[in-house]
Amino acid sequence: MTKGAEELAVLTAVLAVEVETAAGARVVVPTVVVAVVR
């Protein structure tokens, strides 16, 4: 991933955590983290 793509993924994850419920966030965050690590 490029630097810009990583930053976008982080911002998306933060937004998802704020918008989703705690249960939803537990699904979204690991998915984004795995995508960034790859």
PDB file of N, CA and C in Angstrom:
ATOM      1  N   MET A   1       0.838  -1.197   0.000  1.00  0.00           N
ATOM      2  CA  MET A   1       0.000   0.000   0.000  1.00  0.00           C
ATOM      3  C   MET A   1       0.873   1.247   0.000  1.00  0.00           C
ATOM      4  N   THR A   2       0.394   2.273  -0.668  1.00  0.00           N
ATOM      5  CA  THR A   2       1.129   3.528  -0.654  1.00  0.00           C
ATOM      6  C   THR A   2       0.841   4.269   0.645  1.00  0.00           C
ATOM      7  N   LYS A   3       1.659   5.289   0.923  1.00  0.00           N
ATOM      8  CA  LYS A   3       1.472   6.071   2.145  1.00  0.00           C
ATOM      9  C   LYS A   3       0.076   6.683   2.177  1.00  0.00           C
ATOM     10  N   GLY A   4      -0.350   7.244   1.053  1.00  0.00           N
ATOM     11  CA  GLY A   4      -1.671   7.862   0.986  1.00  0.00           C
ATOM     12  C   GLY A   4      -2.778   6.864   1.256  1.00  0.00           C
ATOM     13  N   ALA A   5      -2.639   5.654   0.712  1.00  0.00           N
ATOM     14  CA  ALA A   5      -3.661   4.625   0.899  1.00  0.00           C
ATOM     15  C   ALA A   5      -3.729   4.198   2.360  1.00  0.00           C
ATOM     16  N   GLU A   6      -2.577   4.114   3.009  1.00  0.00           N
ATOM     17  CA  GLU A   6      -2.555   3.746   4.430  1.00  0.00           C
ATOM     18  C   GLU A   6      -3.255   4.814   5.269  1.00  0.00           C
ATOM     19  N   GLU A   7      -2.964   6.082   4.970  1.00  0.00           N
ATOM     20  CA  GLU A   7      -3.594   7.169   5.716  1.00  0.00           C
ATOM     21  C   GLU A   7      -5.104   7.154   5.507  1.00  0.00           C
ATOM     22  N   LEU A   8      -5.524   6.885   4.265  1.00  0.00           N
ATOM     23  CA  LEU A   8      -6.953   6.818   3.964  1.00  0.00           C
ATOM     24  C   LEU A   8      -7.609   5.677   4.733  1.00  0.00           C
ATOM     25  N   ALA A   9      -6.922   4.546   4.809  1.00  0.00           N
ATOM     26  CA  ALA A   9      -7.454   3.388   5.531  1.00  0.00           C
ATOM     27  C   ALA A   9      -7.613   3.706   7.017  1.00  0.00           C
ATOM     28  N   VAL A  10      -6.631   4.413   7.569  1.00  0.00           N
ATOM     29  CA  VAL A  10      -6.697   4.784   8.987  1.00  0.00           C
ATOM     30  C   VAL A  10      -7.857   5.741   9.237  1.00  0.00           C
ATOM     31  N   LEU A  11      -7.990   6.743   8.374  1.00  0.00           N
ATOM     32  CA  LEU A  11      -9.085   7.698   8.529  1.00  0.00           C
ATOM     33  C   LEU A  11     -10.433   7.010   8.398  1.00  0.00           C
ATOM     34  N   THR A  12     -10.519   6.074   7.462  1.00  0.00           N
ATOM     35  CA  THR A  12     -11.761   5.323   7.267  1.00  0.00           C
ATOM     36  C   THR A  12     -12.080   4.502   8.508  1.00  0.00           C
ATOM     37  N   ALA A  13     -11.050   3.886   9.086  1.00  0.00           N
ATOM     38  CA  ALA A  13     -11.241   3.075  10.293  1.00  0.00           C
ATOM     39  C   ALA A  13     -11.728   3.942  11.454  1.00  0.00           C
ATOM     40  N   VAL A  14     -11.124   5.103  11.610  1.00  0.00           N
ATOM     41  CA  VAL A  14     -11.525   6.014  12.691  1.00  0.00           C
ATOM     42  C   VAL A  14     -12.977   6.441  12.511  1.00  0.00           C
ATOM     43  N   LEU A  15     -13.326   6.799  11.272  1.00  0.00           N
ATOM     44  CA  LEU A  15     -14.702   7.212  10.989  1.00  0.00           C
ATOM     45  C   LEU A  15     -15.670   6.070  11.262  1.00  0.00           C
ATOM     46  N   ALA A  16     -15.297   4.869  10.849  1.00  0.00           N
ATOM     47  CA  ALA A  16     -16.154   3.699  11.056  1.00  0.00           C
ATOM     48  C   ALA A  16     -16.385   3.453  12.543  1.00  0.00           C
ATOM     49  N   VAL A  17     -15.330   3.597  13.337  1.00  0.00           N
ATOM     50  CA  VAL A  17     -15.449   3.385  14.786  1.00  0.00           C
ATOM     51  C   VAL A  17     -16.408   4.406  15.396  1.00  0.00           C
ATOM     52  N   GLU A  18     -16.323   5.648  14.925  1.00  0.00           N
ATOM     53  CA  GLU A  18     -17.183   6.695  15.476  1.00  0.00           C
ATOM     54  C   GLU A  18     -18.641   6.484  15.073  1.00  0.00           C
ATOM     55  N   VAL A  19     -18.856   6.004  13.858  1.00  0.00           N
ATOM     56  CA  VAL A  19     -20.217   5.875  13.330  1.00  0.00           C
ATOM     57  C   VAL A  19     -20.876   4.564  13.738  1.00  0.00           C
ATOM     58  N   GLU A  20     -20.121   3.486  13.679  1.00  0.00           N
ATOM     59  CA  GLU A  20     -20.696   2.162  13.965  1.00  0.00           C
ATOM     60  C   GLU A  20     -20.925   1.956  15.457  1.00  0.00           C
ATOM     61  N   THR A  21     -21.715   0.951  15.789  1.00  0.00           N
ATOM     62  CA  THR A  21     -21.864   0.546  17.184  1.00  0.00           C
ATOM     63  C   THR A  21     -20.597  -0.188  17.604  1.00  0.00           C
ATOM     64  N   ALA A  22     -20.460  -0.465  18.893  1.00  0.00           N
ATOM     65  CA  ALA A  22     -19.276  -1.177  19.374  1.00  0.00           C
ATOM     66  C   ALA A  22     -19.162  -2.536  18.695  1.00  0.00           C
ATOM     67  N   ALA A  23     -20.286  -3.205  18.500  1.00  0.00           N
ATOM     68  CA  ALA A  23     -20.273  -4.514  17.849  1.00  0.00           C
ATOM     69  C   ALA A  23     -19.810  -4.383  16.402  1.00  0.00           C
ATOM     70  N   GLY A  24     -20.309  -3.364  15.705  1.00  0.00           N
ATOM     71  CA  GLY A  24     -19.914  -3.138  14.319  1.00  0.00           C
ATOM     72  C   GLY A  24     -18.437  -2.798  14.222  1.00  0.00           C
ATOM     73  N   ALA A  25     -17.941  -1.984  15.150  1.00  0.00           N
ATOM     74  CA  ALA A  25     -16.542  -1.565  15.127  1.00  0.00           C
ATOM     75  C   ALA A  25     -15.603  -2.754  15.289  1.00  0.00           C
ATOM     76  N   ARG A  26     -16.011  -3.728  16.084  1.00  0.00           N
ATOM     77  CA  ARG A  26     -15.158  -4.901  16.304  1.00  0.00           C
ATOM     78  C   ARG A  26     -14.976  -5.685  15.011  1.00  0.00           C
ATOM     79  N   VAL A  27     -15.911  -5.533  14.090  1.00  0.00           N
ATOM     80  CA  VAL A  27     -15.792  -6.207  12.793  1.00  0.00           C
ATOM     81  C   VAL A  27     -14.988  -5.352  11.822  1.00  0.00           C
ATOM     82  N   VAL A  28     -15.259  -4.060  11.802  1.00  0.00           N
ATOM     83  CA  VAL A  28     -14.635  -3.147  10.840  1.00  0.00           C
ATOM     84  C   VAL A  28     -13.144  -2.981  11.093  1.00  0.00           C
ATOM     85  N   VAL A  29     -12.763  -2.715  12.335  1.00  0.00           N
ATOM     86  CA  VAL A  29     -11.363  -2.412  12.641  1.00  0.00           C
ATOM     87  C   VAL A  29     -10.400  -3.543  12.273  1.00  0.00           C
ATOM     88  N   PRO A  30     -10.649  -4.788  12.694  1.00  0.00           N
ATOM     89  CA  PRO A  30      -9.718  -5.863  12.315  1.00  0.00           C
ATOM     90  C   PRO A  30      -9.606  -6.018  10.805  1.00  0.00           C
ATOM     91  N   THR A  31     -10.712  -5.818  10.084  1.00  0.00           N
ATOM     92  CA  THR A  31     -10.701  -5.931   8.624  1.00  0.00           C
ATOM     93  C   THR A  31      -9.765  -4.893   8.023  1.00  0.00           C
ATOM     94  N   VAL A  32      -9.853  -3.662   8.495  1.00  0.00           N
ATOM     95  CA  VAL A  32      -9.005  -2.585   7.974  1.00  0.00           C
ATOM     96  C   VAL A  32      -7.550  -2.830   8.347  1.00  0.00           C
ATOM     97  N   VAL A  33      -7.311  -3.257   9.576  1.00  0.00           N
ATOM     98  CA  VAL A  33      -5.938  -3.512  10.030  1.00  0.00           C
ATOM     99  C   VAL A  33      -5.283  -4.588   9.172  1.00  0.00           C
ATOM    100  N   VAL A  34      -6.018  -5.653   8.906  1.00  0.00           N
ATOM    101  CA  VAL A  34      -5.486  -6.734   8.064  1.00  0.00           C
ATOM    102  C   VAL A  34      -5.179  -6.210   6.672  1.00  0.00           C
ATOM    103  N   ALA A  35      -6.059  -5.372   6.133  1.00  0.00           N
ATOM    104  CA  ALA A  35      -5.852  -4.818   4.796  1.00  0.00           C
ATOM    105  C   ALA A  35      -4.587  -3.957   4.757  1.00  0.00           C
ATOM    106  N   VAL A  36      -4.357  -3.180   5.815  1.00  0.00           N
ATOM    107  CA  VAL A  36      -3.177  -2.303   5.859  1.00  0.00           C
ATOM    108  C   VAL A  36      -1.899  -3.129   6.000  1.00  0.00           C
ATOM    109  N   VAL A  37      -1.944  -4.148   6.844  1.00  0.00           N
ATOM    110  CA  VAL A  37      -0.753  -4.973   7.084  1.00  0.00           C
ATOM    111  C   VAL A  37      -0.321  -5.686   5.810  1.00  0.00           C
ATOM    112  N   ARG A  38      -1.274  -6.153   5.027  1.00  0.00           N
ATOM    113  CA  ARG A  38      -0.957  -6.829   3.773  1.00  0.00           C
ATOM    114  C   ARG A  38      -0.309  -5.857   2.812  1.00  0.00           C
TER     115      ARG A  38
END
